[in-house]
């Protein structure tokens, strides 16, 4: 015998009437598929979904409806901006009884991209890039943004200058009165003393957010990541041999940057190609127990 189950969200009203900005769920497990070249395949994601609740006396929203609608994104079907737009529109439509006019979605996942070594042929490894997609549907207007996180190496220009000064002083202290020095002598001295002082460098993190244009057919995540890494110049490496480590040391030595430099590089590289760029860079200092950070943004086109 099938009993009729009670639904207090319909049979009761709120004892303290008040409209609510957002109501929904957070941390829903969901497999998604982007289907873009090397990014093809299922990716584990975490989803947050909410609708507004302007009906002040409504007891609650219909959580299961949101879950079922969201579940359509999972599996083998490709995730696209258009599918997100339709999902949010359906979420609002599913809550007409609550007078809902807005919906939003956040998806957190990570891309695993294979990156080649700097110089060693056929050597490569996997690199992880956290991604956040945020979409909203408010009064019929759809908005979508993407945020990527990129690890890179930063070497301090001030520390580099101070290190060079110490090496210069040590060389002059030993050879300052010598009128002639052959290259072999200088090279021998450098091989023993060039690391008398070394500039500090550190793993650093960039978080870059862009707004996607209306009608975008995909999220363009890999081109965005590649453009950011090219602007920064020293993305962290995966698999390395000694030749690759030496090449990376040379890159860092020719790519000195303060946190301000990193933020400006990214902003200048992206602001003509993307709408509404906002970013934060953070240098995880090896000199201090605290970090250096910078923020930058461009106005929407």
Protein backbone atom coordinates (compact mmCIF):
# COMPACT_ATOMS: atom_id res chain seq x y z
CA UNK A 1 0.00 0.00 0.00
CA UNK A 2 1.36 3.39 -1.01
CA UNK A 3 0.87 5.97 1.72
CA UNK A 4 0.67 9.65 0.88
CA UNK A 5 3.78 11.23 2.35
CA UNK A 6 3.51 14.59 4.09
CA UNK A 7 5.20 17.64 2.54
CA UNK A 8 5.46 20.39 5.15
CA UNK A 9 7.08 22.75 2.62
CA UNK A 10 3.62 22.93 0.99
CA UNK A 11 1.30 22.39 3.95
CA UNK A 12 2.95 24.85 6.34
CA UNK A 13 4.13 28.43 6.14
CA UNK A 14 7.10 30.16 7.74
CA UNK A 15 6.47 31.33 11.29
CA UNK A 16 8.91 34.22 10.79
CA UNK A 17 8.10 35.64 7.33
CA UNK A 18 11.15 36.99 5.46
CA UNK A 19 12.49 36.80 1.94
CA UNK A 20 15.83 35.01 1.54
CA UNK A 21 18.59 35.86 -0.94
CA UNK A 22 19.67 32.28 -1.67
CA UNK A 23 18.68 28.79 -0.57
CA UNK A 24 20.08 25.53 -1.86
CA UNK A 25 22.85 22.99 -1.47
CA UNK A 26 26.65 22.96 -1.33
CA UNK A 27 29.27 20.30 -1.95
CA UNK A 28 27.32 18.01 -4.29
CA UNK A 29 29.52 15.37 -5.94
CA UNK A 30 29.17 15.38 -9.71
CA UNK A 31 31.14 13.90 -12.63
CA UNK A 32 31.49 16.30 -15.56
CA UNK A 33 32.96 16.04 -19.03
CA UNK A 34 34.44 19.00 -20.91
CA UNK A 35 35.33 17.09 -24.07
CA UNK A 36 37.99 19.51 -25.31
CA UNK A 37 40.98 17.70 -26.79
CA UNK A 38 43.26 16.45 -24.04
CA UNK A 39 40.66 17.53 -21.47
CA UNK A 40 38.26 14.81 -22.62
CA UNK A 41 37.10 12.33 -19.99
CA UNK A 42 35.12 12.47 -16.77
CA UNK A 43 36.28 14.87 -14.07
CA UNK A 44 35.15 14.76 -10.43
CA UNK A 45 33.54 18.07 -9.49
CA UNK A 46 31.88 19.66 -6.47
CA UNK A 47 28.74 21.67 -7.15
CA UNK A 48 26.84 24.36 -5.23
CA UNK A 49 23.31 25.26 -6.42
CA UNK A 50 20.85 27.80 -5.08
CA UNK A 51 17.72 29.72 -5.98
CA UNK A 52 16.35 32.87 -4.39
CA UNK A 53 13.32 32.66 -2.10
CA UNK A 54 11.41 35.94 -2.33
CA UNK A 55 8.18 34.35 -1.07
CA UNK A 56 8.40 35.48 2.55
CA UNK A 57 6.02 32.86 3.92
CA UNK A 58 7.24 29.87 1.89
CA UNK A 59 8.38 27.16 4.31
CA UNK A 60 11.21 25.98 2.05
CA UNK A 61 12.37 25.25 -1.47
CA UNK A 62 12.38 21.89 -3.27
CA UNK A 63 15.93 20.60 -2.81
CA UNK A 64 15.30 17.35 -4.68
CA UNK A 65 14.24 19.26 -7.78
CA UNK A 66 17.53 21.15 -7.84
CA UNK A 67 19.46 17.93 -7.31
CA UNK A 68 17.69 16.14 -10.14
CA UNK A 69 18.20 19.04 -12.53
CA UNK A 70 21.87 19.27 -11.61
CA UNK A 71 22.32 15.53 -12.08
CA UNK A 72 21.59 15.97 -15.79
CA UNK A 73 24.97 17.69 -16.13
CA UNK A 74 26.81 14.58 -14.99
CA UNK A 75 27.88 11.59 -17.03
CA UNK A 76 28.88 11.43 -20.67
CA UNK A 77 27.09 14.53 -21.98
CA UNK A 78 29.48 17.44 -22.62
CA UNK A 79 29.40 20.39 -20.25
CA UNK A 80 28.96 23.63 -22.19
CA UNK A 81 27.99 27.23 -21.35
CA UNK A 82 24.65 26.66 -23.07
CA UNK A 83 23.87 23.65 -20.89
CA UNK A 84 24.60 25.74 -17.79
CA UNK A 85 22.27 28.47 -19.06
CA UNK A 86 19.46 25.98 -19.64
CA UNK A 87 20.03 24.38 -16.24
CA UNK A 88 19.70 27.67 -14.38
CA UNK A 89 16.61 28.63 -16.37
CA UNK A 90 15.04 25.27 -15.48
CA UNK A 91 15.95 25.72 -11.82
CA UNK A 92 14.03 29.00 -11.71
CA UNK A 93 11.09 27.47 -13.58
CA UNK A 94 10.98 24.56 -11.12
CA UNK A 95 10.42 27.02 -8.25
CA UNK A 96 7.67 29.22 -9.61
CA UNK A 97 5.61 28.31 -6.53
CA UNK A 98 8.30 30.05 -4.45
CA UNK A 99 8.31 33.12 -6.73
CA UNK A 100 11.96 32.40 -7.54
CA UNK A 101 13.50 34.66 -10.18
CA UNK A 102 17.20 33.82 -9.83
CA UNK A 103 19.48 30.80 -9.68
CA UNK A 104 23.21 30.28 -9.38
CA UNK A 105 25.71 27.48 -9.72
CA UNK A 106 29.34 26.98 -8.74
CA UNK A 107 31.44 24.10 -10.04
CA UNK A 108 34.87 23.31 -8.58
CA UNK A 109 37.13 20.77 -10.27
CA UNK A 110 40.69 20.38 -11.47
CA UNK A 111 42.27 19.82 -14.86
CA UNK A 112 45.20 17.41 -15.18
CA UNK A 113 47.32 18.51 -18.12
CA UNK A 114 50.46 16.79 -19.35
CA UNK A 115 53.37 19.22 -19.65
CA UNK A 116 56.70 18.53 -21.40
CA UNK A 117 60.08 18.98 -19.72
CA UNK A 118 61.99 22.11 -20.68
CA UNK A 119 64.78 20.42 -22.64
CA UNK A 120 64.75 16.64 -22.21
CA UNK A 121 63.06 15.09 -25.24
CA UNK A 122 60.04 12.84 -24.59
CA UNK A 123 60.01 13.63 -20.86
CA UNK A 124 56.74 14.97 -19.43
CA UNK A 125 54.49 14.86 -16.39
CA UNK A 126 51.05 15.77 -15.13
CA UNK A 127 50.20 19.18 -13.73
CA UNK A 128 47.05 20.06 -11.79
CA UNK A 129 45.08 23.26 -12.39
CA UNK A 130 42.11 23.97 -10.05
CA UNK A 131 39.15 25.56 -11.86
CA UNK A 132 36.00 27.27 -10.65
CA UNK A 133 33.03 27.99 -12.92
CA UNK A 134 30.35 30.35 -11.60
CA UNK A 135 27.06 30.87 -13.43
CA UNK A 136 23.97 32.88 -12.55
CA UNK A 137 20.52 33.51 -13.98
CA UNK A 138 18.92 36.66 -12.61
CA UNK A 139 15.78 38.14 -14.13
CA UNK A 140 16.49 36.34 -17.41
CA UNK A 141 20.12 37.51 -17.66
CA UNK A 142 22.79 34.79 -17.80
CA UNK A 143 26.31 35.43 -16.54
CA UNK A 144 29.26 33.03 -16.55
CA UNK A 145 32.82 33.32 -15.26
CA UNK A 146 35.82 31.02 -15.05
CA UNK A 147 38.65 31.08 -12.52
CA UNK A 148 41.90 29.15 -12.88
CA UNK A 149 44.78 28.68 -10.45
CA UNK A 150 48.37 28.50 -11.70
CA UNK A 151 51.55 27.72 -9.80
CA UNK A 152 54.75 29.45 -10.86
CA UNK A 153 58.20 30.29 -9.53
CA UNK A 154 59.22 33.83 -8.59
CA UNK A 155 62.74 35.04 -7.84
CA UNK A 156 63.09 38.30 -5.89
CA UNK A 157 64.85 41.13 -7.83
CA UNK A 158 66.01 42.80 -4.60
CA UNK A 159 67.49 39.57 -3.26
CA UNK A 160 69.19 38.96 -6.61
CA UNK A 161 70.81 42.43 -6.52
CA UNK A 162 72.02 41.92 -2.95
CA UNK A 163 73.46 38.52 -3.86
CA UNK A 164 75.31 39.93 -6.87
CA UNK A 165 76.81 42.65 -4.65
CA UNK A 166 78.18 40.10 -2.19
CA UNK A 167 79.73 38.05 -5.00
CA UNK A 168 81.22 41.19 -6.54
CA UNK A 169 82.75 42.22 -3.20
CA UNK A 170 84.20 38.76 -2.64
CA UNK A 171 85.77 38.78 -6.10
CA UNK A 172 87.28 42.23 -5.58
CA UNK A 173 88.58 41.25 -2.15
CA UNK A 174 90.52 38.39 -3.73
CA UNK A 175 91.47 39.88 -7.10
CA UNK A 176 90.95 43.63 -6.73
CA UNK A 177 94.64 44.45 -7.02
CA UNK A 178 95.26 42.16 -10.00
CA UNK A 179 95.71 44.13 -13.21
CA UNK A 180 95.27 41.18 -15.55
CA UNK A 181 93.14 38.05 -15.19
CA UNK A 182 92.76 35.34 -17.77
CA UNK A 183 89.27 33.93 -18.39
CA UNK A 184 90.22 30.53 -16.98
CA UNK A 185 91.09 32.09 -13.61
CA UNK A 186 87.84 34.01 -13.49
CA UNK A 187 85.86 30.92 -14.49
CA UNK A 188 87.59 28.87 -11.78
CA UNK A 189 86.78 31.51 -9.16
CA UNK A 190 83.14 31.61 -10.25
CA UNK A 191 82.84 27.82 -10.11
CA UNK A 192 83.87 27.97 -6.44
CA UNK A 193 82.21 31.19 -5.29
CA UNK A 194 79.29 32.13 -7.57
CA UNK A 195 76.86 30.62 -5.04
CA UNK A 196 78.39 32.57 -2.16
CA UNK A 197 74.97 34.28 -2.05
CA UNK A 198 71.82 33.18 -3.84
CA UNK A 199 68.57 35.11 -4.28
CA UNK A 200 65.48 33.69 -2.66
CA UNK A 201 62.76 32.28 -4.87
CA UNK A 202 59.48 30.64 -4.00
CA UNK A 203 56.52 28.75 -5.31
CA UNK A 204 53.84 31.28 -6.16
CA UNK A 205 50.14 31.17 -6.94
CA UNK A 206 48.02 33.12 -9.41
CA UNK A 207 44.21 33.07 -9.31
CA UNK A 208 42.78 34.53 -12.50
CA UNK A 209 39.07 35.12 -13.12
CA UNK A 210 37.49 36.15 -16.43
CA UNK A 211 33.92 36.65 -17.61
CA UNK A 212 32.88 34.58 -20.60
CA UNK A 213 30.99 36.33 -23.39
CA UNK A 214 27.38 35.61 -24.18
CA UNK A 215 27.17 32.83 -26.72
CA UNK A 216 30.50 31.23 -25.78
CA UNK A 217 30.56 27.67 -27.14
CA UNK A 218 33.13 26.40 -24.63
CA UNK A 219 34.98 27.60 -21.55
CA UNK A 220 38.39 28.17 -23.18
CA UNK A 221 40.23 26.97 -20.08
CA UNK A 222 43.39 25.62 -21.68
CA UNK A 223 44.05 28.75 -23.82
CA UNK A 224 43.54 30.89 -20.70
CA UNK A 225 45.99 28.77 -18.69
CA UNK A 226 48.57 28.78 -21.49
CA UNK A 227 48.35 32.57 -21.86
CA UNK A 228 48.83 33.05 -18.12
CA UNK A 229 51.85 30.74 -17.99
CA UNK A 230 53.41 32.45 -20.98
CA UNK A 231 52.98 35.85 -19.31
CA UNK A 232 54.52 34.65 -16.04
CA UNK A 233 57.44 32.94 -17.75
CA UNK A 234 58.37 30.44 -15.03
CA UNK A 235 55.51 27.99 -14.43
CA UNK A 236 56.47 25.17 -12.08
CA UNK A 237 57.70 22.00 -13.77
CA UNK A 238 56.66 18.34 -13.55
CA UNK A 239 59.18 15.66 -14.55
CA UNK A 240 62.77 16.98 -14.70
CA UNK A 241 66.30 15.75 -15.17
CA UNK A 242 69.41 17.75 -14.35
CA UNK A 243 69.40 19.47 -17.74
CA UNK A 244 65.80 20.61 -17.17
CA UNK A 245 66.60 21.81 -13.66
CA UNK A 246 69.51 23.82 -15.03
CA UNK A 247 67.28 25.32 -17.74
CA UNK A 248 64.70 26.23 -15.09
CA UNK A 249 67.41 27.92 -12.99
CA UNK A 250 68.37 29.95 -16.05
CA UNK A 251 64.74 30.92 -16.63
CA UNK A 252 64.39 32.13 -13.06
CA UNK A 253 67.62 34.07 -13.27
CA UNK A 254 66.42 35.94 -16.34
CA UNK A 255 62.86 36.35 -15.04
CA UNK A 256 63.15 38.22 -11.74
CA UNK A 257 59.84 39.53 -10.44
CA UNK A 258 58.19 41.16 -7.48
CA UNK A 259 54.59 40.28 -6.72
CA UNK A 260 53.67 43.60 -8.36
CA UNK A 261 55.46 42.56 -11.56
CA UNK A 262 53.56 39.27 -11.71
CA UNK A 263 50.17 40.99 -11.28
CA UNK A 264 50.94 43.56 -13.98
CA UNK A 265 52.19 40.94 -16.41
CA UNK A 266 48.98 38.96 -16.12
CA UNK A 267 46.71 41.98 -16.33
CA UNK A 268 48.42 43.39 -19.43
CA UNK A 269 48.49 39.97 -21.11
CA UNK A 270 44.78 39.29 -20.53
CA UNK A 271 42.87 42.55 -20.50
CA UNK A 272 42.63 42.89 -24.29
CA UNK A 273 41.52 39.28 -24.81
CA UNK A 274 39.02 38.77 -21.98
CA UNK A 275 36.16 40.65 -20.36
CA UNK A 276 36.19 41.67 -16.73
CA UNK A 277 39.58 40.28 -15.69
CA UNK A 278 40.30 40.07 -11.97
CA UNK A 279 43.30 38.39 -10.43
CA UNK A 280 45.32 37.81 -7.30
CA UNK A 281 48.93 36.70 -7.11
CA UNK A 282 50.56 35.39 -3.96
CA UNK A 283 54.27 34.74 -3.43
CA UNK A 284 54.72 32.14 -0.69
CA UNK A 285 57.80 33.77 0.76
CA UNK A 286 60.89 31.82 1.75
CA UNK A 287 62.40 34.93 3.39
CA UNK A 288 59.39 35.70 5.63
CA UNK A 289 56.83 33.60 7.49
CA UNK A 290 54.18 35.70 5.72
CA UNK A 291 53.36 36.03 2.04
CA UNK A 292 53.38 38.89 -0.47
CA UNK A 293 50.17 39.47 -2.45
CA UNK A 294 48.81 41.74 -5.16
CA UNK A 295 45.42 42.20 -6.80
CA UNK A 296 44.46 43.70 -10.15
CA UNK A 297 41.36 44.02 -12.31
CA UNK A 298 40.11 45.50 -15.56
CA UNK A 299 36.78 47.13 -16.25
CA UNK A 300 34.19 45.14 -18.19
CA UNK A 301 34.26 45.72 -21.93
